[in-house]
Amino acid sequence: MARAGREIITLQCTECKRRNYTTTKNRKTMTEKLELKKFCRHDRKHTPHRETK
């Protein structure tokens, strides 16, 4: 369960387009889309993962 003021978001791999991770972020302070470099088990390498709906 997310804390007050934070929303759950899904991270999608930019190479294989699969949704691999979920995390939370504060939408009031971070208005831009989140992008993190995470490990994609389908590609077997670290790739950029971008926030999706």
PDB file of N, CA and C in Angstrom:
ATOM      1  N   MET A   1       0.836  -1.180   0.000  1.00  0.00           N
ATOM      2  CA  MET A   1       0.000   0.000   0.000  1.00  0.00           C
ATOM      3  C   MET A   1       0.879   1.241   0.000  1.00  0.00           C
ATOM      4  N   ALA A   2       0.578   2.190  -0.870  1.00  0.00           N
ATOM      5  CA  ALA A   2       1.364   3.408  -0.985  1.00  0.00           C
ATOM      6  C   ALA A   2       1.017   4.383   0.128  1.00  0.00           C
ATOM      7  N   ARG A   3       1.998   5.176   0.514  1.00  0.00           N
ATOM      8  CA  ARG A   3       1.770   6.177   1.552  1.00  0.00           C
ATOM      9  C   ARG A   3       0.979   7.341   0.986  1.00  0.00           C
ATOM     10  N   ALA A   4       0.473   8.192   1.858  1.00  0.00           N
ATOM     11  CA  ALA A   4      -0.334   9.344   1.450  1.00  0.00           C
ATOM     12  C   ALA A   4       0.495  10.278   0.581  1.00  0.00           C
ATOM     13  N   GLY A   5      -0.079  10.745  -0.521  1.00  0.00           N
ATOM     14  CA  GLY A   5       0.612  11.665  -1.416  1.00  0.00           C
ATOM     15  C   GLY A   5       1.461  10.982  -2.466  1.00  0.00           C
ATOM     16  N   ARG A   6       1.578   9.670  -2.398  1.00  0.00           N
ATOM     17  CA  ARG A   6       2.393   8.935  -3.367  1.00  0.00           C
ATOM     18  C   ARG A   6       1.479   8.014  -4.178  1.00  0.00           C
ATOM     19  N   GLU A   7       1.848   7.820  -5.447  1.00  0.00           N
ATOM     20  CA  GLU A   7       1.063   6.950  -6.310  1.00  0.00           C
ATOM     21  C   GLU A   7       1.943   5.855  -6.879  1.00  0.00           C
ATOM     22  N   ILE A   8       1.346   4.696  -7.100  1.00  0.00           N
ATOM     23  CA  ILE A   8       2.069   3.561  -7.675  1.00  0.00           C
ATOM     24  C   ILE A   8       2.178   3.762  -9.177  1.00  0.00           C
ATOM     25  N   ILE A   9       3.395   3.582  -9.708  1.00  0.00           N
ATOM     26  CA  ILE A   9       3.621   3.692 -11.145  1.00  0.00           C
ATOM     27  C   ILE A   9       4.275   2.398 -11.633  1.00  0.00           C
ATOM     28  N   THR A  10       4.189   2.144 -12.918  1.00  0.00           N
ATOM     29  CA  THR A  10       4.781   0.964 -13.539  1.00  0.00           C
ATOM     30  C   THR A  10       5.917   1.413 -14.435  1.00  0.00           C
ATOM     31  N   LEU A  11       7.032   0.668 -14.411  1.00  0.00           N
ATOM     32  CA  LEU A  11       8.175   0.966 -15.260  1.00  0.00           C
ATOM     33  C   LEU A  11       8.213  -0.032 -16.408  1.00  0.00           C
ATOM     34  N   GLN A  12       8.386   0.494 -17.623  1.00  0.00           N
ATOM     35  CA  GLN A  12       8.386  -0.327 -18.830  1.00  0.00           C
ATOM     36  C   GLN A  12       9.750  -0.249 -19.498  1.00  0.00           C
ATOM     37  N   CYS A  13      10.268  -1.370 -19.928  1.00  0.00           N
ATOM     38  CA  CYS A  13      11.552  -1.434 -20.628  1.00  0.00           C
ATOM     39  C   CYS A  13      11.434  -0.716 -21.967  1.00  0.00           C
ATOM     40  N   THR A  14      12.433   0.101 -22.299  1.00  0.00           N
ATOM     41  CA  THR A  14      12.387   0.844 -23.561  1.00  0.00           C
ATOM     42  C   THR A  14      12.786  -0.016 -24.749  1.00  0.00           C
ATOM     43  N   GLU A  15      13.408  -1.172 -24.506  1.00  0.00           N
ATOM     44  CA  GLU A  15      13.832  -2.026 -25.619  1.00  0.00           C
ATOM     45  C   GLU A  15      12.830  -3.123 -25.941  1.00  0.00           C
ATOM     46  N   CYS A  16      12.384  -3.872 -24.941  1.00  0.00           N
ATOM     47  CA  CYS A  16      11.457  -4.975 -25.221  1.00  0.00           C
ATOM     48  C   CYS A  16       9.998  -4.595 -24.963  1.00  0.00           C
ATOM     49  N   LYS A  17       9.758  -3.413 -24.373  1.00  0.00           N
ATOM     50  CA  LYS A  17       8.412  -2.875 -24.115  1.00  0.00           C
ATOM     51  C   LYS A  17       7.610  -3.689 -23.109  1.00  0.00           C
ATOM     52  N   ARG A  18       8.269  -4.475 -22.275  1.00  0.00           N
ATOM     53  CA  ARG A  18       7.564  -5.228 -21.239  1.00  0.00           C
ATOM     54  C   ARG A  18       7.587  -4.440 -19.945  1.00  0.00           C
ATOM     55  N   ARG A  19       6.530  -4.581 -19.176  1.00  0.00           N
ATOM     56  CA  ARG A  19       6.405  -3.880 -17.897  1.00  0.00           C
ATOM     57  C   ARG A  19       6.949  -4.781 -16.808  1.00  0.00           C
ATOM     58  N   ASN A  20       8.125  -4.417 -16.275  1.00  0.00           N
ATOM     59  CA  ASN A  20       8.851  -5.293 -15.361  1.00  0.00           C
ATOM     60  C   ASN A  20       8.795  -4.873 -13.902  1.00  0.00           C
ATOM     61  N   TYR A  21       8.693  -3.589 -13.614  1.00  0.00           N
ATOM     62  CA  TYR A  21       8.826  -3.101 -12.248  1.00  0.00           C
ATOM     63  C   TYR A  21       7.682  -2.171 -11.877  1.00  0.00           C
ATOM     64  N   THR A  22       7.389  -2.099 -10.565  1.00  0.00           N
ATOM     65  CA  THR A  22       6.475  -1.092 -10.044  1.00  0.00           C
ATOM     66  C   THR A  22       7.194  -0.358  -8.920  1.00  0.00           C
ATOM     67  N   THR A  23       6.876   0.912  -8.751  1.00  0.00           N
ATOM     68  CA  THR A  23       7.456   1.735  -7.703  1.00  0.00           C
ATOM     69  C   THR A  23       6.472   2.856  -7.380  1.00  0.00           C
ATOM     70  N   THR A  24       6.824   3.714  -6.456  1.00  0.00           N
ATOM     71  CA  THR A  24       5.953   4.831  -6.113  1.00  0.00           C
ATOM     72  C   THR A  24       6.695   6.133  -6.336  1.00  0.00           C
ATOM     73  N   LYS A  25       5.930   7.195  -6.550  1.00  0.00           N
ATOM     74  CA  LYS A  25       6.523   8.516  -6.662  1.00  0.00           C
ATOM     75  C   LYS A  25       5.515   9.557  -6.217  1.00  0.00           C
ATOM     76  N   ASN A  26       6.022  10.682  -5.765  1.00  0.00           N
ATOM     77  CA  ASN A  26       5.201  11.802  -5.335  1.00  0.00           C
ATOM     78  C   ASN A  26       4.903  12.658  -6.563  1.00  0.00           C
ATOM     79  N   ARG A  27       3.667  12.665  -7.008  1.00  0.00           N
ATOM     80  CA  ARG A  27       3.298  13.388  -8.227  1.00  0.00           C
ATOM     81  C   ARG A  27       3.343  14.903  -8.061  1.00  0.00           C
ATOM     82  N   LYS A  28       3.255  15.391  -6.828  1.00  0.00           N
ATOM     83  CA  LYS A  28       3.292  16.844  -6.616  1.00  0.00           C
ATOM     84  C   LYS A  28       4.689  17.414  -6.805  1.00  0.00           C
ATOM     85  N   THR A  29       5.716  16.678  -6.391  1.00  0.00           N
ATOM     86  CA  THR A  29       7.081  17.188  -6.495  1.00  0.00           C
ATOM     87  C   THR A  29       7.789  16.740  -7.766  1.00  0.00           C
ATOM     88  N   MET A  30       7.405  15.592  -8.327  1.00  0.00           N
ATOM     89  CA  MET A  30       8.034  15.070  -9.544  1.00  0.00           C
ATOM     90  C   MET A  30       6.972  15.000 -10.636  1.00  0.00           C
ATOM     91  N   THR A  31       6.904  16.026 -11.467  1.00  0.00           N
ATOM     92  CA  THR A  31       5.871  16.068 -12.503  1.00  0.00           C
ATOM     93  C   THR A  31       6.313  15.386 -13.790  1.00  0.00           C
ATOM     94  N   GLU A  32       7.619  15.292 -14.045  1.00  0.00           N
ATOM     95  CA  GLU A  32       8.093  14.658 -15.268  1.00  0.00           C
ATOM     96  C   GLU A  32       8.089  13.138 -15.115  1.00  0.00           C
ATOM     97  N   LYS A  33       8.187  12.437 -16.247  1.00  0.00           N
ATOM     98  CA  LYS A  33       8.174  10.974 -16.221  1.00  0.00           C
ATOM     99  C   LYS A  33       9.495  10.455 -15.663  1.00  0.00           C
ATOM    100  N   LEU A  34       9.394   9.432 -14.840  1.00  0.00           N
ATOM    101  CA  LEU A  34      10.558   8.832 -14.205  1.00  0.00           C
ATOM    102  C   LEU A  34      11.234   7.871 -15.169  1.00  0.00           C
ATOM    103  N   GLU A  35      12.579   7.902 -15.222  1.00  0.00           N
ATOM    104  CA  GLU A  35      13.325   6.955 -16.046  1.00  0.00           C
ATOM    105  C   GLU A  35      14.521   6.468 -15.240  1.00  0.00           C
ATOM    106  N   LEU A  36      14.604   5.153 -15.070  1.00  0.00           N
ATOM    107  CA  LEU A  36      15.677   4.535 -14.304  1.00  0.00           C
ATOM    108  C   LEU A  36      16.321   3.434 -15.129  1.00  0.00           C
ATOM    109  N   LYS A  37      17.598   3.191 -14.885  1.00  0.00           N
ATOM    110  CA  LYS A  37      18.281   2.093 -15.552  1.00  0.00           C
ATOM    111  C   LYS A  37      18.150   0.865 -14.657  1.00  0.00           C
ATOM    112  N   LYS A  38      17.391  -0.133 -15.126  1.00  0.00           N
ATOM    113  CA  LYS A  38      17.105  -1.335 -14.346  1.00  0.00           C
ATOM    114  C   LYS A  38      17.478  -2.570 -15.169  1.00  0.00           C
ATOM    115  N   PHE A  39      17.564  -3.712 -14.501  1.00  0.00           N
ATOM    116  CA  PHE A  39      17.868  -4.957 -15.186  1.00  0.00           C
ATOM    117  C   PHE A  39      16.603  -5.531 -15.802  1.00  0.00           C
ATOM    118  N   CYS A  40      16.656  -5.829 -17.087  1.00  0.00           N
ATOM    119  CA  CYS A  40      15.542  -6.472 -17.791  1.00  0.00           C
ATOM    120  C   CYS A  40      15.876  -7.952 -17.939  1.00  0.00           C
ATOM    121  N   ARG A  41      15.083  -8.794 -17.292  1.00  0.00           N
ATOM    122  CA  ARG A  41      15.382 -10.228 -17.337  1.00  0.00           C
ATOM    123  C   ARG A  41      15.091 -10.836 -18.695  1.00  0.00           C
ATOM    124  N   HIS A  42      14.275 -10.185 -19.512  1.00  0.00           N
ATOM    125  CA  HIS A  42      13.974 -10.707 -20.845  1.00  0.00           C
ATOM    126  C   HIS A  42      15.115 -10.423 -21.828  1.00  0.00           C
ATOM    127  N   ASP A  43      15.745  -9.247 -21.683  1.00  0.00           N
ATOM    128  CA  ASP A  43      16.899  -8.895 -22.521  1.00  0.00           C
ATOM    129  C   ASP A  43      18.214  -9.346 -21.898  1.00  0.00           C
ATOM    130  N   ARG A  44      18.167  -9.676 -20.602  1.00  0.00           N
ATOM    131  CA  ARG A  44      19.339 -10.085 -19.830  1.00  0.00           C
ATOM    132  C   ARG A  44      20.430  -9.023 -19.797  1.00  0.00           C
ATOM    133  N   LYS A  45      20.020  -7.760 -19.647  1.00  0.00           N
ATOM    134  CA  LYS A  45      20.986  -6.668 -19.506  1.00  0.00           C
ATOM    135  C   LYS A  45      20.290  -5.470 -18.870  1.00  0.00           C
ATOM    136  N   HIS A  46      21.087  -4.491 -18.463  1.00  0.00           N
ATOM    137  CA  HIS A  46      20.543  -3.269 -17.888  1.00  0.00           C
ATOM    138  C   HIS A  46      20.082  -2.351 -19.015  1.00  0.00           C
ATOM    139  N   THR A  47      18.824  -1.911 -18.939  1.00  0.00           N
ATOM    140  CA  THR A  47      18.246  -1.054 -19.953  1.00  0.00           C
ATOM    141  C   THR A  47      17.479   0.078 -19.270  1.00  0.00           C
ATOM    142  N   PRO A  48      17.256   1.187 -19.957  1.00  0.00           N
ATOM    143  CA  PRO A  48      16.419   2.252 -19.374  1.00  0.00           C
ATOM    144  C   PRO A  48      14.960   1.801 -19.287  1.00  0.00           C
ATOM    145  N   HIS A  49      14.359   2.053 -18.154  1.00  0.00           N
ATOM    146  CA  HIS A  49      12.943   1.752 -17.922  1.00  0.00           C
ATOM    147  C   HIS A  49      12.230   3.071 -17.676  1.00  0.00           C
ATOM    148  N   ARG A  50      11.134   3.297 -18.396  1.00  0.00           N
ATOM    149  CA  ARG A  50      10.403   4.562 -18.328  1.00  0.00           C
ATOM    150  C   ARG A  50       9.033   4.337 -17.720  1.00  0.00           C
ATOM    151  N   GLU A  51       8.553   5.363 -17.062  1.00  0.00           N
ATOM    152  CA  GLU A  51       7.245   5.312 -16.403  1.00  0.00           C
ATOM    153  C   GLU A  51       6.121   5.202 -17.439  1.00  0.00           C
ATOM    154  N   THR A  52       5.156   4.323 -17.144  1.00  0.00           N
ATOM    155  CA  THR A  52       3.960   4.197 -17.976  1.00  0.00           C
ATOM    156  C   THR A  52       2.731   4.293 -17.071  1.00  0.00           C
ATOM    157  N   LYS A  53       1.568   4.252 -17.668  1.00  0.00           N
ATOM    158  CA  LYS A  53       0.330   4.322 -16.883  1.00  0.00           C
ATOM    159  C   LYS A  53      -0.029   2.969 -16.315  1.00  0.00           C
TER     160      LYS A  53
END
